[in-house]
Amino acid sequence: MPNIKASKKAVKVIAKKTANNHELKMRVQNLIRNCDKAIAANNKEEAQSLLKDLQKYADKAVSKGFMKQNTVDREKSRLTQKVKNMK
């Protein structure tokens, strides 16, 4: 444990940032997973809304440096094609 006041504050700030970063990464992963499930269940409306949310949060994750741009582009492209090809 740190003894200096600034170090104690830094520990708290780092913990808060880590929690926020983890939440964003997990949100993106869960949106990808849920979108795949909606596509498998042939639920087009839900898949489209999840895809829209995924695009928003995935771009945010790229801007913060959590994910690479090519990875996000590939995931978005694949899911968009799957949603378009649904009956």
N, C-alpha and C. Protein backbone atom coordinates (compact mmCIF):
# COMPACT_ATOMS: atom_id res chain seq x y z
N MET A 1 0.84 -1.19 0.00
CA MET A 1 0.00 0.00 0.00
C MET A 1 0.88 1.25 0.00
N PRO A 2 0.46 2.24 -0.77
CA PRO A 2 1.24 3.47 -0.80
C PRO A 2 1.03 4.29 0.48
N ASN A 3 2.04 5.05 0.82
CA ASN A 3 1.98 5.91 2.00
C ASN A 3 1.73 7.36 1.63
N ILE A 4 2.12 7.75 0.44
CA ILE A 4 2.00 9.14 0.02
C ILE A 4 0.58 9.39 -0.48
N LYS A 5 0.07 10.56 -0.14
CA LYS A 5 -1.32 10.90 -0.47
C LYS A 5 -1.59 10.83 -1.98
N ALA A 6 -0.69 11.34 -2.80
CA ALA A 6 -0.88 11.31 -4.26
C ALA A 6 -0.88 9.87 -4.78
N SER A 7 -0.07 9.03 -4.19
CA SER A 7 -0.03 7.63 -4.61
C SER A 7 -1.32 6.91 -4.24
N LYS A 8 -1.87 7.25 -3.08
CA LYS A 8 -3.15 6.65 -2.67
C LYS A 8 -4.25 7.03 -3.66
N LYS A 9 -4.25 8.31 -4.06
CA LYS A 9 -5.24 8.77 -5.04
C LYS A 9 -5.03 8.09 -6.38
N ALA A 10 -3.78 7.92 -6.79
CA ALA A 10 -3.48 7.28 -8.07
C ALA A 10 -4.01 5.86 -8.10
N VAL A 11 -3.91 5.15 -6.98
CA VAL A 11 -4.44 3.79 -6.91
C VAL A 11 -5.95 3.79 -7.16
N LYS A 12 -6.65 4.74 -6.55
CA LYS A 12 -8.10 4.83 -6.74
C LYS A 12 -8.45 5.17 -8.19
N VAL A 13 -7.72 6.11 -8.78
CA VAL A 13 -7.99 6.54 -10.16
C VAL A 13 -7.75 5.38 -11.12
N ILE A 14 -6.65 4.66 -10.91
CA ILE A 14 -6.32 3.53 -11.79
C ILE A 14 -7.39 2.45 -11.69
N ALA A 15 -7.87 2.19 -10.48
CA ALA A 15 -8.91 1.17 -10.29
C ALA A 15 -10.19 1.56 -11.02
N LYS A 16 -10.55 2.84 -10.95
CA LYS A 16 -11.76 3.30 -11.62
C LYS A 16 -11.62 3.22 -13.14
N LYS A 17 -10.46 3.62 -13.67
CA LYS A 17 -10.23 3.56 -15.11
C LYS A 17 -10.23 2.11 -15.59
N THR A 18 -9.61 1.23 -14.81
CA THR A 18 -9.57 -0.19 -15.18
C THR A 18 -10.98 -0.77 -15.26
N ALA A 19 -11.82 -0.41 -14.30
CA ALA A 19 -13.20 -0.90 -14.30
C ALA A 19 -13.96 -0.41 -15.53
N ASN A 20 -13.78 0.87 -15.86
CA ASN A 20 -14.47 1.43 -17.02
C ASN A 20 -13.99 0.79 -18.32
N ASN A 21 -12.67 0.58 -18.42
CA ASN A 21 -12.12 -0.03 -19.62
C ASN A 21 -12.62 -1.47 -19.77
N HIS A 22 -12.64 -2.19 -18.68
CA HIS A 22 -13.10 -3.58 -18.71
C HIS A 22 -14.58 -3.64 -19.13
N GLU A 23 -15.37 -2.70 -18.63
CA GLU A 23 -16.79 -2.67 -18.97
C GLU A 23 -16.98 -2.46 -20.47
N LEU A 24 -16.22 -1.56 -21.07
CA LEU A 24 -16.35 -1.30 -22.51
C LEU A 24 -15.93 -2.51 -23.33
N LYS A 25 -14.82 -3.15 -22.95
CA LYS A 25 -14.36 -4.32 -23.69
C LYS A 25 -15.38 -5.46 -23.61
N MET A 26 -15.93 -5.67 -22.43
CA MET A 26 -16.91 -6.75 -22.26
C MET A 26 -18.21 -6.42 -22.99
N ARG A 27 -18.58 -5.15 -23.03
CA ARG A 27 -19.79 -4.76 -23.74
C ARG A 27 -19.67 -5.08 -25.23
N VAL A 28 -18.51 -4.80 -25.81
CA VAL A 28 -18.29 -5.09 -27.23
C VAL A 28 -18.34 -6.60 -27.46
N GLN A 29 -17.67 -7.36 -26.62
CA GLN A 29 -17.67 -8.82 -26.79
C GLN A 29 -19.07 -9.40 -26.63
N ASN A 30 -19.82 -8.90 -25.66
CA ASN A 30 -21.19 -9.39 -25.45
C ASN A 30 -22.10 -9.01 -26.60
N LEU A 31 -21.92 -7.81 -27.17
CA LEU A 31 -22.74 -7.42 -28.31
C LEU A 31 -22.47 -8.31 -29.51
N ILE A 32 -21.21 -8.66 -29.74
CA ILE A 32 -20.89 -9.57 -30.85
C ILE A 32 -21.55 -10.92 -30.62
N ARG A 33 -21.43 -11.43 -29.41
CA ARG A 33 -22.01 -12.73 -29.08
C ARG A 33 -23.54 -12.72 -29.20
N ASN A 34 -24.16 -11.66 -28.68
CA ASN A 34 -25.63 -11.58 -28.72
C ASN A 34 -26.14 -11.38 -30.14
N CYS A 35 -25.39 -10.66 -30.95
CA CYS A 35 -25.78 -10.47 -32.35
C CYS A 35 -25.73 -11.80 -33.10
N ASP A 36 -24.69 -12.59 -32.84
CA ASP A 36 -24.61 -13.92 -33.46
C ASP A 36 -25.78 -14.80 -33.02
N LYS A 37 -26.15 -14.70 -31.75
CA LYS A 37 -27.28 -15.49 -31.25
C LYS A 37 -28.59 -15.06 -31.91
N ALA A 38 -28.78 -13.76 -32.09
CA ALA A 38 -29.99 -13.25 -32.74
C ALA A 38 -30.05 -13.70 -34.20
N ILE A 39 -28.88 -13.73 -34.85
CA ILE A 39 -28.84 -14.19 -36.24
C ILE A 39 -29.19 -15.67 -36.31
N ALA A 40 -28.66 -16.44 -35.37
CA ALA A 40 -28.94 -17.87 -35.34
C ALA A 40 -30.41 -18.14 -35.05
N ALA A 41 -31.03 -17.27 -34.24
CA ALA A 41 -32.44 -17.41 -33.91
C ALA A 41 -33.35 -16.81 -34.98
N ASN A 42 -32.74 -16.23 -36.03
CA ASN A 42 -33.48 -15.63 -37.14
C ASN A 42 -34.36 -14.46 -36.69
N ASN A 43 -33.84 -13.67 -35.76
CA ASN A 43 -34.55 -12.50 -35.25
C ASN A 43 -33.89 -11.25 -35.84
N LYS A 44 -34.41 -10.81 -36.98
CA LYS A 44 -33.76 -9.75 -37.75
C LYS A 44 -33.81 -8.40 -37.04
N GLU A 45 -34.92 -8.05 -36.41
CA GLU A 45 -35.05 -6.75 -35.76
C GLU A 45 -34.04 -6.62 -34.62
N GLU A 46 -33.95 -7.65 -33.81
CA GLU A 46 -33.02 -7.62 -32.69
C GLU A 46 -31.57 -7.59 -33.19
N ALA A 47 -31.29 -8.35 -34.23
CA ALA A 47 -29.93 -8.38 -34.79
C ALA A 47 -29.54 -7.01 -35.32
N GLN A 48 -30.46 -6.32 -35.96
CA GLN A 48 -30.15 -4.99 -36.50
C GLN A 48 -29.89 -3.99 -35.38
N SER A 49 -30.69 -4.04 -34.31
CA SER A 49 -30.47 -3.11 -33.21
C SER A 49 -29.15 -3.41 -32.49
N LEU A 50 -28.84 -4.69 -32.33
CA LEU A 50 -27.56 -5.06 -31.70
C LEU A 50 -26.38 -4.65 -32.57
N LEU A 51 -26.53 -4.78 -33.87
CA LEU A 51 -25.46 -4.39 -34.80
C LEU A 51 -25.21 -2.89 -34.73
N LYS A 52 -26.27 -2.12 -34.62
CA LYS A 52 -26.12 -0.67 -34.50
C LYS A 52 -25.37 -0.30 -33.23
N ASP A 53 -25.73 -0.93 -32.11
CA ASP A 53 -25.03 -0.69 -30.85
C ASP A 53 -23.58 -1.15 -30.93
N LEU A 54 -23.37 -2.29 -31.57
CA LEU A 54 -22.02 -2.82 -31.70
C LEU A 54 -21.13 -1.85 -32.46
N GLN A 55 -21.63 -1.27 -33.53
CA GLN A 55 -20.83 -0.34 -34.32
C GLN A 55 -20.43 0.87 -33.47
N LYS A 56 -21.34 1.35 -32.66
CA LYS A 56 -21.06 2.50 -31.82
C LYS A 56 -19.98 2.19 -30.79
N TYR A 57 -20.16 1.10 -30.05
CA TYR A 57 -19.23 0.79 -28.96
C TYR A 57 -17.90 0.25 -29.48
N ALA A 58 -17.91 -0.44 -30.61
CA ALA A 58 -16.67 -0.95 -31.17
C ALA A 58 -15.79 0.22 -31.65
N ASP A 59 -16.41 1.22 -32.26
CA ASP A 59 -15.63 2.39 -32.69
C ASP A 59 -15.07 3.14 -31.48
N LYS A 60 -15.83 3.16 -30.41
CA LYS A 60 -15.34 3.80 -29.19
C LYS A 60 -14.15 3.03 -28.63
N ALA A 61 -14.21 1.70 -28.68
CA ALA A 61 -13.10 0.88 -28.19
C ALA A 61 -11.85 1.08 -29.04
N VAL A 62 -12.03 1.28 -30.34
CA VAL A 62 -10.88 1.53 -31.22
C VAL A 62 -10.26 2.88 -30.87
N SER A 63 -11.09 3.88 -30.64
CA SER A 63 -10.56 5.21 -30.35
C SER A 63 -9.79 5.24 -29.03
N LYS A 64 -10.18 4.36 -28.11
CA LYS A 64 -9.46 4.29 -26.82
C LYS A 64 -8.29 3.33 -26.87
N GLY A 65 -8.15 2.60 -27.97
CA GLY A 65 -7.00 1.73 -28.13
C GLY A 65 -7.17 0.33 -27.57
N PHE A 66 -8.39 -0.09 -27.29
CA PHE A 66 -8.62 -1.42 -26.72
C PHE A 66 -8.62 -2.50 -27.80
N MET A 67 -9.03 -2.11 -28.99
CA MET A 67 -9.12 -3.06 -30.09
C MET A 67 -8.47 -2.42 -31.31
N LYS A 68 -8.00 -3.27 -32.22
CA LYS A 68 -7.40 -2.75 -33.45
C LYS A 68 -8.48 -2.44 -34.46
N GLN A 69 -8.20 -1.45 -35.29
CA GLN A 69 -9.18 -1.00 -36.29
C GLN A 69 -9.55 -2.11 -37.25
N ASN A 70 -8.57 -2.89 -37.73
CA ASN A 70 -8.88 -3.95 -38.68
C ASN A 70 -9.75 -5.03 -38.07
N THR A 71 -9.53 -5.35 -36.81
CA THR A 71 -10.33 -6.36 -36.13
C THR A 71 -11.78 -5.91 -36.04
N VAL A 72 -11.99 -4.67 -35.66
CA VAL A 72 -13.35 -4.14 -35.54
C VAL A 72 -14.02 -4.07 -36.90
N ASP A 73 -13.28 -3.61 -37.90
CA ASP A 73 -13.85 -3.53 -39.25
C ASP A 73 -14.27 -4.91 -39.75
N ARG A 74 -13.45 -5.91 -39.48
CA ARG A 74 -13.75 -7.27 -39.92
C ARG A 74 -15.00 -7.80 -39.22
N GLU A 75 -15.10 -7.60 -37.91
CA GLU A 75 -16.27 -8.08 -37.16
C GLU A 75 -17.54 -7.38 -37.65
N LYS A 76 -17.46 -6.07 -37.82
CA LYS A 76 -18.64 -5.32 -38.27
C LYS A 76 -19.05 -5.77 -39.67
N SER A 77 -18.10 -5.99 -40.55
CA SER A 77 -18.39 -6.40 -41.91
C SER A 77 -19.07 -7.77 -41.94
N ARG A 78 -18.51 -8.70 -41.20
CA ARG A 78 -19.07 -10.06 -41.19
C ARG A 78 -20.49 -10.07 -40.63
N LEU A 79 -20.70 -9.36 -39.53
CA LEU A 79 -22.04 -9.36 -38.94
C LEU A 79 -23.03 -8.61 -39.82
N THR A 80 -22.60 -7.55 -40.48
CA THR A 80 -23.48 -6.81 -41.38
C THR A 80 -23.92 -7.70 -42.54
N GLN A 81 -22.99 -8.46 -43.10
CA GLN A 81 -23.34 -9.37 -44.18
C GLN A 81 -24.32 -10.44 -43.71
N LYS A 82 -24.10 -10.96 -42.53
CA LYS A 82 -25.01 -11.99 -42.01
C LYS A 82 -26.41 -11.43 -41.80
N VAL A 83 -26.49 -10.20 -41.28
CA VAL A 83 -27.81 -9.59 -41.05
C VAL A 83 -28.50 -9.30 -42.39
N LYS A 84 -27.75 -8.83 -43.37
CA LYS A 84 -28.34 -8.54 -44.69
C LYS A 84 -28.86 -9.80 -45.36
N ASN A 85 -28.17 -10.92 -45.17
CA ASN A 85 -28.55 -12.16 -45.84
C ASN A 85 -29.65 -12.94 -45.11
N MET A 86 -30.12 -12.39 -43.98
CA MET A 86 -31.21 -13.06 -43.27
C MET A 86 -32.50 -12.93 -44.06
N LYS A 87 -33.34 -13.90 -43.94
CA LYS A 87 -34.62 -13.89 -44.67
C LYS A 87 -35.66 -13.08 -43.93
